[in-house]
C-alpha atoms as a PDB file:
ATOM      1  CA  UNK A   1      93.693 119.168  87.584  1.00  0.00           C
ATOM      2  CA  UNK A   2      95.593 117.901  84.603  1.00  0.00           C
ATOM      3  CA  UNK A   3      99.071 116.667  85.451  1.00  0.00           C
ATOM      4  CA  UNK A   4     101.707 117.728  82.939  1.00  0.00           C
ATOM      5  CA  UNK A   5     104.152 115.022  81.922  1.00  0.00           C
ATOM      6  CA  UNK A   6     106.549 116.535  79.470  1.00  0.00           C
ATOM      7  CA  UNK A   7     109.822 114.940  80.429  1.00  0.00           C
ATOM      8  CA  UNK A   8     109.829 111.456  78.949  1.00  0.00           C
ATOM      9  CA  UNK A   9     113.393 111.309  77.687  1.00  0.00           C
ATOM     10  CA  UNK A  10     115.699 108.679  76.283  1.00  0.00           C
ATOM     11  CA  UNK A  11     119.100 108.460  77.900  1.00  0.00           C
ATOM     12  CA  UNK A  12     121.789 105.937  77.089  1.00  0.00           C
ATOM     13  CA  UNK A  13     125.198 106.812  75.745  1.00  0.00           C
ATOM     14  CA  UNK A  14     127.512 103.799  75.613  1.00  0.00           C
ATOM     15  CA  UNK A  15     129.964 103.514  78.496  1.00  0.00           C
ATOM     16  CA  UNK A  16     132.864 101.116  78.977  1.00  0.00           C
ATOM     17  CA  UNK A  17     133.258  99.275  82.281  1.00  0.00           C
ATOM     18  CA  UNK A  18     136.832  98.424  83.232  1.00  0.00           C
ATOM     19  CA  UNK A  19     136.463  96.173  86.276  1.00  0.00           C
ATOM     20  CA  UNK A  20     134.678  92.887  87.095  1.00  0.00           C
ATOM     21  CA  UNK A  21     137.195  90.104  86.514  1.00  0.00           C
ATOM     22  CA  UNK A  22     134.568  87.355  86.947  1.00  0.00           C
ATOM     23  CA  UNK A  23     133.075  88.086  83.511  1.00  0.00           C
ATOM     24  CA  UNK A  24     135.020  88.984  80.380  1.00  0.00           C
ATOM     25  CA  UNK A  25     135.153  92.719  79.838  1.00  0.00           C
ATOM     26  CA  UNK A  26     133.823  92.522  76.255  1.00  0.00           C
ATOM     27  CA  UNK A  27     130.624  90.904  77.593  1.00  0.00           C
ATOM     28  CA  UNK A  28     130.085  93.724  80.062  1.00  0.00           C
ATOM     29  CA  UNK A  29     130.813  96.359  77.457  1.00  0.00           C
ATOM     30  CA  UNK A  30     128.236  94.767  75.171  1.00  0.00           C
ATOM     31  CA  UNK A  31     125.684  94.543  77.964  1.00  0.00           C
ATOM     32  CA  UNK A  32     126.133  98.221  78.816  1.00  0.00           C
ATOM     33  CA  UNK A  33     124.623  99.051  75.437  1.00  0.00           C
ATOM     34  CA  UNK A  34     121.366  97.729  76.886  1.00  0.00           C
ATOM     35  CA  UNK A  35     120.645 100.939  78.793  1.00  0.00           C
ATOM     36  CA  UNK A  36     120.032 102.837  75.568  1.00  0.00           C
ATOM     37  CA  UNK A  37     118.134  99.956  73.996  1.00  0.00           C
ATOM     38  CA  UNK A  38     115.793  99.689  76.984  1.00  0.00           C
ATOM     39  CA  UNK A  39     115.269 103.456  77.009  1.00  0.00           C
ATOM     40  CA  UNK A  40     114.135 103.421  73.383  1.00  0.00           C
ATOM     41  CA  UNK A  41     111.938 100.339  73.797  1.00  0.00           C
ATOM     42  CA  UNK A  42     110.326 101.771  76.912  1.00  0.00           C
ATOM     43  CA  UNK A  43     109.554 105.011  75.128  1.00  0.00           C
ATOM     44  CA  UNK A  44     107.736 103.096  72.384  1.00  0.00           C
ATOM     45  CA  UNK A  45     105.606 101.191  74.923  1.00  0.00           C
ATOM     46  CA  UNK A  46     104.887 104.417  76.821  1.00  0.00           C
ATOM     47  CA  UNK A  47     103.764 106.242  73.692  1.00  0.00           C
ATOM     48  CA  UNK A  48     101.452 103.311  72.903  1.00  0.00           C
ATOM     49  CA  UNK A  49      99.832 103.661  76.319  1.00  0.00           C
ATOM     50  CA  UNK A  50     101.259 100.369  77.613  1.00  0.00           C
ATOM     51  CA  UNK A  51     102.421 101.889  80.885  1.00  0.00           C
ATOM     52  CA  UNK A  52     102.992  98.689  82.881  1.00  0.00           C
ATOM     53  CA  UNK A  53     105.064  97.241  80.047  1.00  0.00           C
ATOM     54  CA  UNK A  54     106.985 100.501  79.667  1.00  0.00           C
ATOM     55  CA  UNK A  55     107.696 100.549  83.392  1.00  0.00           C
ATOM     56  CA  UNK A  56     109.302  97.118  83.351  1.00  0.00           C
ATOM     57  CA  UNK A  57     111.453  98.083  80.385  1.00  0.00           C
ATOM     58  CA  UNK A  58     112.439 101.371  82.039  1.00  0.00           C
ATOM     59  CA  UNK A  59     113.321  99.407  85.175  1.00  0.00           C
ATOM     60  CA  UNK A  60     115.914  97.595  83.075  1.00  0.00           C
ATOM     61  CA  UNK A  61     117.098 100.981  81.820  1.00  0.00           C
ATOM     62  CA  UNK A  62     117.633 102.010  85.450  1.00  0.00           C
ATOM     63  CA  UNK A  63     119.440  98.792  86.341  1.00  0.00           C
ATOM     64  CA  UNK A  64     121.911  98.930  83.475  1.00  0.00           C
ATOM     65  CA  UNK A  65     122.389 102.686  83.754  1.00  0.00           C
ATOM     66  CA  UNK A  66     123.416 102.304  87.395  1.00  0.00           C
ATOM     67  CA  UNK A  67     125.502  99.202  86.780  1.00  0.00           C
ATOM     68  CA  UNK A  68     127.379 100.827  83.906  1.00  0.00           C
ATOM     69  CA  UNK A  69     127.919 104.109  85.803  1.00  0.00           C
ATOM     70  CA  UNK A  70     126.135 106.329  83.317  1.00  0.00           C
ATOM     71  CA  UNK A  71     126.178 110.085  84.028  1.00  0.00           C
ATOM     72  CA  UNK A  72     123.875 111.076  86.882  1.00  0.00           C
ATOM     73  CA  UNK A  73     121.538 113.064  84.658  1.00  0.00           C
ATOM     74  CA  UNK A  74     120.956 109.964  82.523  1.00  0.00           C
ATOM     75  CA  UNK A  75     120.233 107.853  85.596  1.00  0.00           C
ATOM     76  CA  UNK A  76     117.822 110.543  86.814  1.00  0.00           C
ATOM     77  CA  UNK A  77     116.092 110.442  83.417  1.00  0.00           C
ATOM     78  CA  UNK A  78     115.585 106.698  83.836  1.00  0.00           C
ATOM     79  CA  UNK A  79     114.026 107.284  87.278  1.00  0.00           C
ATOM     80  CA  UNK A  80     111.746 109.922  85.789  1.00  0.00           C
ATOM     81  CA  UNK A  81     110.692 107.618  82.975  1.00  0.00           C
ATOM     82  CA  UNK A  82     109.393 105.110  85.540  1.00  0.00           C
ATOM     83  CA  UNK A  83     107.756 107.867  87.581  1.00  0.00           C
ATOM     84  CA  UNK A  84     105.855 109.039  84.504  1.00  0.00           C
ATOM     85  CA  UNK A  85     104.330 105.596  83.992  1.00  0.00           C
ATOM     86  CA  UNK A  86     102.981 105.731  87.540  1.00  0.00           C
ATOM     87  CA  UNK A  87     101.724 109.295  87.049  1.00  0.00           C
ATOM     88  CA  UNK A  88      99.786 108.202  83.979  1.00  0.00           C
ATOM     89  CA  UNK A  89      98.120 105.506  86.096  1.00  0.00           C
ATOM     90  CA  UNK A  90      97.407 107.815  89.042  1.00  0.00           C
ATOM     91  CA  UNK A  91      99.895 106.137  91.423  1.00  0.00           C
ATOM     92  CA  UNK A  92     101.331 109.369  92.787  1.00  0.00           C
ATOM     93  CA  UNK A  93     103.059 107.975  95.872  1.00  0.00           C
ATOM     94  CA  UNK A  94     104.994 105.449  93.794  1.00  0.00           C
ATOM     95  CA  UNK A  95     105.879 108.178  91.302  1.00  0.00           C
ATOM     96  CA  UNK A  96     107.180 110.331  94.151  1.00  0.00           C
ATOM     97  CA  UNK A  97     109.333 107.483  95.468  1.00  0.00           C
ATOM     98  CA  UNK A  98     111.111 107.269  92.120  1.00  0.00           C
ATOM     99  CA  UNK A  99     111.432 111.042  91.730  1.00  0.00           C
ATOM    100  CA  UNK A 100     112.986 111.358  95.175  1.00  0.00           C
ATOM    101  CA  UNK A 101     115.874 109.118  94.104  1.00  0.00           C
ATOM    102  CA  UNK A 102     117.268 112.170  92.279  1.00  0.00           C
ATOM    103  CA  UNK A 103     115.665 115.139  94.070  1.00  0.00           C
ATOM    104  CA  UNK A 104     118.222 117.686  92.801  1.00  0.00           C
ATOM    105  CA  UNK A 105     117.560 116.836  89.156  1.00  0.00           C
ATOM    106  CA  UNK A 106     115.494 119.487  87.366  1.00  0.00           C
ATOM    107  CA  UNK A 107     113.284 116.888  85.682  1.00  0.00           C
ATOM    108  CA  UNK A 108     112.525 115.313  89.059  1.00  0.00           C
ATOM    109  CA  UNK A 109     111.752 118.706  90.569  1.00  0.00           C
ATOM    110  CA  UNK A 110     109.431 119.632  87.705  1.00  0.00           C
ATOM    111  CA  UNK A 111     107.520 116.364  87.721  1.00  0.00           C
ATOM    112  CA  UNK A 112     107.248 116.412  91.504  1.00  0.00           C
ATOM    113  CA  UNK A 113     105.835 119.948  91.354  1.00  0.00           C
ATOM    114  CA  UNK A 114     103.214 118.738  88.899  1.00  0.00           C
ATOM    115  CA  UNK A 115     101.977 115.929  91.134  1.00  0.00           C
ATOM    116  CA  UNK A 116     102.298 117.725  94.476  1.00  0.00           C
ATOM    117  CA  UNK A 117      98.651 118.917  94.434  1.00  0.00           C
ATOM    118  CA  UNK A 118      97.579 115.314  93.834  1.00  0.00           C
ATOM    119  CA  UNK A 119      99.732 114.135  96.725  1.00  0.00           C
ATOM    120  CA  UNK A 120      98.359 116.860  98.981  1.00  0.00           C
ATOM    121  CA  UNK A 121      94.803 115.782  98.124  1.00  0.00           C
ATOM    122  CA  UNK A 122      95.337 112.153  99.135  1.00  0.00           C
ATOM    123  CA  UNK A 123      93.384 111.216 102.278  1.00  0.00           C
ATOM    124  CA  UNK A 124      95.312 110.638 105.472  1.00  0.00           C
ATOM    125  CA  UNK A 125      95.937 106.896 105.934  1.00  0.00           C
ATOM    126  CA  UNK A 126      93.456 105.356 108.350  1.00  0.00           C
ATOM    127  CA  UNK A 127      95.921 102.775 109.654  1.00  0.00           C
ATOM    128  CA  UNK A 128      99.422 101.412 109.141  1.00  0.00           C
ATOM    129  CA  UNK A 129      98.109  99.075 106.436  1.00  0.00           C
ATOM    130  CA  UNK A 130      99.823  99.657 103.128  1.00  0.00           C
ATOM    131  CA  UNK A 131     102.987  99.073 101.156  1.00  0.00           C
ATOM    132  CA  UNK A 132     106.309 100.733 101.983  1.00  0.00           C
ATOM    133  CA  UNK A 133     109.452 100.946  99.840  1.00  0.00           C
ATOM    134  CA  UNK A 134     113.171 101.460 100.432  1.00  0.00           C
ATOM    135  CA  UNK A 135     115.472 101.660  97.413  1.00  0.00           C
ATOM    136  CA  UNK A 136     117.880  98.738  97.106  1.00  0.00           C
ATOM    137  CA  UNK A 137     119.556  99.788  93.853  1.00  0.00           C
ATOM    138  CA  UNK A 138     119.509  98.585  90.247  1.00  0.00           C
ATOM    139  CA  UNK A 139     115.801  99.329  89.934  1.00  0.00           C
ATOM    140  CA  UNK A 140     114.785  97.174  92.907  1.00  0.00           C
ATOM    141  CA  UNK A 141     113.131  98.052  96.208  1.00  0.00           C
ATOM    142  CA  UNK A 142     113.043  96.515  99.662  1.00  0.00           C
ATOM    143  CA  UNK A 143     109.446  96.062 100.765  1.00  0.00           C
ATOM    144  CA  UNK A 144     107.362  96.191 103.909  1.00  0.00           C
ATOM    145  CA  UNK A 145     103.777  95.069 103.251  1.00  0.00           C
ATOM    146  CA  UNK A 146     101.206  95.571 106.005  1.00  0.00           C
ATOM    147  CA  UNK A 147      97.710  94.083 105.848  1.00  0.00           C
ATOM    148  CA  UNK A 148      94.972  94.379 108.468  1.00  0.00           C
ATOM    149  CA  UNK A 149      93.820  91.077 109.986  1.00  0.00           C
ATOM    150  CA  UNK A 150      90.966  91.694 112.420  1.00  0.00           C
ATOM    151  CA  UNK A 151      92.550  93.374 115.479  1.00  0.00           C
ATOM    152  CA  UNK A 152      96.090  92.701 114.285  1.00  0.00           C
ATOM    153  CA  UNK A 153      98.261  93.205 111.209  1.00  0.00           C
ATOM    154  CA  UNK A 154     100.199  90.816 108.995  1.00  0.00           C
ATOM    155  CA  UNK A 155     103.591  92.397 108.305  1.00  0.00           C
ATOM    156  CA  UNK A 156     105.822  90.974 105.567  1.00  0.00           C
ATOM    157  CA  UNK A 157     109.360  92.203 104.989  1.00  0.00           C
ATOM    158  CA  UNK A 158     111.257  91.379 101.813  1.00  0.00           C
ATOM    159  CA  UNK A 159     114.783  92.740 101.505  1.00  0.00           C
ATOM    160  CA  UNK A 160     117.647  92.350  99.098  1.00  0.00           C
ATOM    161  CA  UNK A 161     121.244  93.381  98.684  1.00  0.00           C
ATOM    162  CA  UNK A 162     122.162  94.301  95.138  1.00  0.00           C
ATOM    163  CA  UNK A 163     125.825  93.376  95.013  1.00  0.00           C
ATOM    164  CA  UNK A 164     128.304  94.543  92.405  1.00  0.00           C
ATOM    165  CA  UNK A 165     127.427  91.715  90.024  1.00  0.00           C
ATOM    166  CA  UNK A 166     123.808  91.133  91.014  1.00  0.00           C
ATOM    167  CA  UNK A 167     122.526  91.782  87.496  1.00  0.00           C
ATOM    168  CA  UNK A 168     124.358  88.595  86.511  1.00  0.00           C
ATOM    169  CA  UNK A 169     124.171  86.478  89.655  1.00  0.00           C
ATOM    170  CA  UNK A 170     121.072  87.842  91.395  1.00  0.00           C
ATOM    171  CA  UNK A 171     120.734  89.664  94.721  1.00  0.00           C
ATOM    172  CA  UNK A 172     121.155  88.361  98.256  1.00  0.00           C
ATOM    173  CA  UNK A 173     117.717  88.189  99.870  1.00  0.00           C
ATOM    174  CA  UNK A 174     116.078  88.012 103.282  1.00  0.00           C
ATOM    175  CA  UNK A 175     112.545  88.127 104.605  1.00  0.00           C
ATOM    176  CA  UNK A 176     110.345  87.761 107.641  1.00  0.00           C
ATOM    177  CA  UNK A 177     106.626  87.600 108.297  1.00  0.00           C
ATOM    178  CA  UNK A 178     104.700  88.236 111.503  1.00  0.00           C
ATOM    179  CA  UNK A 179     101.113  88.761 112.647  1.00  0.00           C
ATOM    180  CA  UNK A 180     101.067  91.251 115.488  1.00  0.00           C
ATOM    181  CA  UNK A 181      99.319  94.246 116.985  1.00  0.00           C
ATOM    182  CA  UNK A 182     100.551  97.759 116.227  1.00  0.00           C
ATOM    183  CA  UNK A 183     100.338  99.729 119.472  1.00  0.00           C
ATOM    184  CA  UNK A 184     101.116 103.442 119.588  1.00  0.00           C
ATOM    185  CA  UNK A 185     102.407 103.146 116.009  1.00  0.00           C
ATOM    186  CA  UNK A 186     104.956 100.540 117.128  1.00  0.00           C
ATOM    187  CA  UNK A 187     105.333  96.863 116.275  1.00  0.00           C
ATOM    188  CA  UNK A 188     108.049  94.305 116.908  1.00  0.00           C
ATOM    189  CA  UNK A 189     109.126  91.193 115.058  1.00  0.00           C
ATOM    190  CA  UNK A 190     110.925  88.553 117.116  1.00  0.00           C
ATOM    191  CA  UNK A 191     112.808  85.716 115.504  1.00  0.00           C
ATOM    192  CA  UNK A 192     110.890  83.209 117.596  1.00  0.00           C
ATOM    193  CA  UNK A 193     107.734  84.301 115.743  1.00  0.00           C
ATOM    194  CA  UNK A 194     109.063  82.891 112.473  1.00  0.00           C
ATOM    195  CA  UNK A 195     110.571  79.404 112.366  1.00  0.00           C
ATOM    196  CA  UNK A 196     111.925  79.999 108.841  1.00  0.00           C
ATOM    197  CA  UNK A 197     114.668  82.309 110.119  1.00  0.00           C
ATOM    198  CA  UNK A 198     118.090  81.033 111.191  1.00  0.00           C
ATOM    199  CA  UNK A 199     119.363  80.309 114.682  1.00  0.00           C
ATOM    200  CA  UNK A 200     120.687  83.781 115.604  1.00  0.00           C
ATOM    201  CA  UNK A 201     118.672  86.001 117.930  1.00  0.00           C
ATOM    202  CA  UNK A 202     116.845  88.706 115.999  1.00  0.00           C
ATOM    203  CA  UNK A 203     114.436  91.545 116.798  1.00  0.00           C
ATOM    204  CA  UNK A 204     113.117  94.117 114.326  1.00  0.00           C
ATOM    205  CA  UNK A 205     111.384  97.193 115.720  1.00  0.00           C
ATOM    206  CA  UNK A 206     108.972  99.031 113.426  1.00  0.00           C
ATOM    207  CA  UNK A 207     107.814 102.591 114.072  1.00  0.00           C
ATOM    208  CA  UNK A 208     104.992 103.781 111.822  1.00  0.00           C
ATOM    209  CA  UNK A 209     104.052 107.298 110.751  1.00  0.00           C
ATOM    210  CA  UNK A 210     101.473 108.414 108.184  1.00  0.00           C
ATOM    211  CA  UNK A 211     103.912 108.344 105.276  1.00  0.00           C
ATOM    212  CA  UNK A 212     106.706 106.000 106.370  1.00  0.00           C
ATOM    213  CA  UNK A 213     107.878 103.243 108.656  1.00  0.00           C
ATOM    214  CA  UNK A 214     111.310 103.058 110.264  1.00  0.00           C
ATOM    215  CA  UNK A 215     112.914  99.687 110.954  1.00  0.00           C
ATOM    216  CA  UNK A 216     115.718  98.903 113.354  1.00  0.00           C
ATOM    217  CA  UNK A 217     117.230  95.451 113.740  1.00  0.00           C
ATOM    218  CA  UNK A 218     118.996  94.006 116.751  1.00  0.00           C
ATOM    219  CA  UNK A 219     120.824  90.706 116.395  1.00  0.00           C
ATOM    220  CA  UNK A 220     121.251  88.332 113.464  1.00  0.00           C
ATOM    221  CA  UNK A 221     118.099  87.686 111.435  1.00  0.00           C
ATOM    222  CA  UNK A 222     119.729  85.103 109.189  1.00  0.00           C
ATOM    223  CA  UNK A 223     119.231  87.185 106.048  1.00  0.00           C
ATOM    224  CA  UNK A 224     121.490  86.943 103.025  1.00  0.00           C
ATOM    225  CA  UNK A 225     124.862  88.698 103.194  1.00  0.00           C
ATOM    226  CA  UNK A 226     124.447  92.488 103.659  1.00  0.00           C
ATOM    227  CA  UNK A 227     120.629  92.298 103.634  1.00  0.00           C
ATOM    228  CA  UNK A 228     119.264  94.573 106.355  1.00  0.00           C
ATOM    229  CA  UNK A 229     115.862  95.443 107.786  1.00  0.00           C
ATOM    230  CA  UNK A 230     116.965  98.935 108.682  1.00  0.00           C
ATOM    231  CA  UNK A 231     116.084 102.577 108.052  1.00  0.00           C
ATOM    232  CA  UNK A 232     113.176 104.411 106.494  1.00  0.00           C
ATOM    233  CA  UNK A 233     110.634 102.894 104.109  1.00  0.00           C
ATOM    234  CA  UNK A 234     108.229 105.326 102.394  1.00  0.00           C
ATOM    235  CA  UNK A 235     104.533 104.598 102.018  1.00  0.00           C
ATOM    236  CA  UNK A 236     103.511 103.940  98.402  1.00  0.00           C
ATOM    237  CA  UNK A 237      99.971 102.599  98.967  1.00  0.00           C
ATOM    238  CA  UNK A 238      97.133 103.099  99.495  1.00  0.00           C
END
């Protein structure tokens, strides 16, 4: 089946941002022009078949579109632009993750309908091993990475909090790593398993399904401010 990809669009009207006293307003206004610049540059790379390069440029389009509060249809276009790069490379789960950030958008609905047969044809995962995403904002994702290690699994969590000025100052981050068994689709991370975490007591429960994992944290894991290992992460590989 040939997957139609007809919705590569450029979005980026120039928007003024009125807040953010830490940085002079003229600097922010100038930086908000970047959304349109990245959209155009990404389109060029995409049309040249440089999909990985286009994706990174479109990721900047997403970040600045969200930061500068562009209209929702323009932000959805930026999501779709990234999804199309994954579609071209046959990474349908990752494409779906981006499309589901704006599920009511007509472009998202169309592109999702085009890849749904490909998604339906994917084999059922044989284990919990894989990569799982949760959107953090500004084009970034929290990550749970699960790798099989003999009778156990190595589970790595990498989370971030994209604060109001994170495009200038960077995100707050937090992570943990554990090697453990997954029994009845359930695994637990205890702070004592990872000496790199702070002194607070911390437990993260992980419940796996074929297409997602749900995390729930009890206690203080010593992550950066507002970083949480919480909620649903969608499978994006294999």
